[in-house]
Protein backbone atom coordinates (compact mmCIF):
# COMPACT_ATOMS: atom_id res chain seq x y z
CA MET A 1 -8.56 9.77 -31.23
CA ILE A 2 -9.43 8.22 -27.87
CA ILE A 3 -6.90 8.27 -25.05
CA TYR A 4 -7.09 5.65 -22.33
CA ASN A 5 -5.05 6.86 -19.37
CA THR A 6 -4.05 4.77 -16.37
CA SER A 7 -2.41 6.51 -13.43
CA TYR A 8 -0.18 4.61 -11.03
CA ILE A 9 0.55 5.92 -7.53
CA LEU A 10 3.47 4.22 -5.80
CA HIS A 11 6.00 4.74 -3.06
CA SER A 12 9.37 5.98 -4.25
CA THR A 13 11.10 2.88 -2.80
CA ILE A 14 9.73 0.73 -5.64
CA GLU A 15 9.96 3.39 -8.35
CA ASN A 16 13.04 2.03 -10.14
CA ASP A 17 11.72 -1.54 -10.18
CA PHE A 18 8.31 -0.36 -11.38
CA CYS A 19 9.71 1.74 -14.24
CA LYS A 20 12.01 -1.03 -15.44
CA TRP A 21 9.23 -3.63 -15.31
CA MET A 22 6.79 -1.37 -17.12
CA LYS A 23 9.26 -0.60 -19.92
CA ASP A 24 10.72 -4.11 -20.26
CA LYS A 25 7.68 -6.31 -19.60
CA PHE A 26 4.28 -4.68 -19.25
CA ILE A 27 4.25 -2.15 -22.08
CA PRO A 28 5.61 -4.69 -24.61
CA LEU A 29 2.88 -7.09 -23.42
CA ILE A 30 0.07 -4.65 -24.09
CA GLN A 31 1.64 -3.53 -27.38
CA GLU A 32 1.21 -7.13 -28.57
CA THR A 33 -2.57 -6.60 -28.50
CA GLY A 34 -2.28 -4.45 -31.64
CA THR A 35 -5.32 -2.45 -30.60
CA PHE A 36 -3.78 1.00 -30.07
CA SER A 37 -1.62 3.14 -32.30
CA GLN A 38 0.66 4.85 -29.78
CA ASP A 39 1.55 4.87 -26.10
CA TYR A 40 3.24 7.25 -23.69
CA PHE A 41 4.66 6.34 -20.28
CA CYS A 42 5.20 9.49 -18.22
CA LYS A 43 6.15 10.57 -14.74
CA VAL A 44 3.80 13.17 -13.29
CA MET A 45 5.84 16.16 -12.18
CA VAL A 46 4.28 16.48 -8.72
CA GLN A 47 5.60 14.53 -5.75
CA GLN A 48 3.08 13.84 -3.02
CA GLU A 49 3.74 14.87 0.58
CA ASP A 50 4.00 11.23 1.64
CA GLY A 51 6.85 10.61 -0.80
CA SER A 52 4.77 8.76 -3.36
CA GLN A 53 5.21 9.22 -7.10
CA THR A 54 2.62 9.17 -9.86
CA TYR A 55 3.08 7.76 -13.35
CA SER A 56 0.76 7.77 -16.32
CA LEU A 57 0.41 5.30 -19.16
CA GLN A 58 -1.57 6.70 -22.08
CA LEU A 59 -2.79 4.46 -24.88
CA PHE A 60 -4.09 6.08 -28.08
CA PHE A 61 -6.95 4.35 -29.89
CA LYS A 62 -8.22 5.27 -33.35
CA ASN A 63 -11.85 4.65 -32.40
CA LYS A 64 -14.16 3.32 -29.70
CA ALA A 65 -14.32 -0.13 -31.30
CA GLN A 66 -10.55 -0.56 -30.83
CA LEU A 67 -10.77 0.64 -27.22
CA ASP A 68 -13.65 -1.74 -26.54
CA LYS A 69 -11.68 -4.61 -28.08
CA TYR A 70 -8.71 -3.84 -25.80
CA ARG A 71 -10.87 -3.47 -22.69
CA ASN A 72 -12.96 -6.59 -23.33
CA ASP A 73 -10.43 -8.98 -24.88
CA PHE A 74 -7.08 -8.02 -23.36
CA GLU A 75 -7.32 -5.73 -20.33
CA PRO A 76 -8.53 -8.36 -17.82
CA ARG A 77 -5.47 -10.55 -18.49
CA CYS A 78 -3.11 -7.54 -18.44
CA LYS A 79 -4.58 -6.34 -15.14
CA SER A 80 -4.18 -9.78 -13.57
CA ILE A 81 -0.50 -9.86 -14.59
CA PHE A 82 -0.01 -6.38 -13.12
CA THR A 83 -1.78 -7.34 -9.89
CA ALA A 84 0.26 -10.54 -9.58
CA LYS A 85 3.44 -8.45 -9.75
CA TYR A 86 2.50 -5.54 -7.48
CA GLN A 87 -0.41 -6.82 -5.35
CA THR A 88 -1.57 -3.80 -3.31
CA ASN A 89 1.71 -1.85 -3.49
CA ILE A 90 0.48 0.42 -6.29
CA MET A 91 -2.85 2.20 -6.54
CA THR A 92 -4.23 2.62 -10.06
CA PHE A 93 -7.14 4.37 -11.70
CA SER A 94 -8.09 4.77 -15.34
CA SER A 95 -9.93 7.39 -17.35
CA THR A 96 -11.00 7.64 -20.96
CA MET A 97 -10.56 10.91 -22.84
CA PHE A 98 -10.92 12.13 -26.39
CA GLU A 99 -9.34 15.02 -28.22
CA HIS A 100 -11.21 18.28 -27.73
CA GLY A 101 -13.47 18.98 -30.69
CA GLU A 102 -14.16 15.31 -31.53
CA ASN A 103 -17.65 13.92 -31.06
CA HIS A 104 -18.04 10.51 -29.41
């Protein structure tokens, strides 16, 4: 299992709008790709000193081929939709992980 995690750092003033948009619009959009088997949208339990909040969206892929398909065929469009909505108001970074004990 491969986990593709994207972290979102945002100011608390847009937190409610961000969460609603992610749940109602963005996550359903990426689910339509059919490339991953499961997703989790989580709030990180540490608030930054500047009042910002961090969220995590984890997508679970069965294999590297499915992840590559998502990243090559769908992610650029999804990122452009996200950027059009939030411009520079949210900082994001992504990382790819796999379950401990699996060889990739």
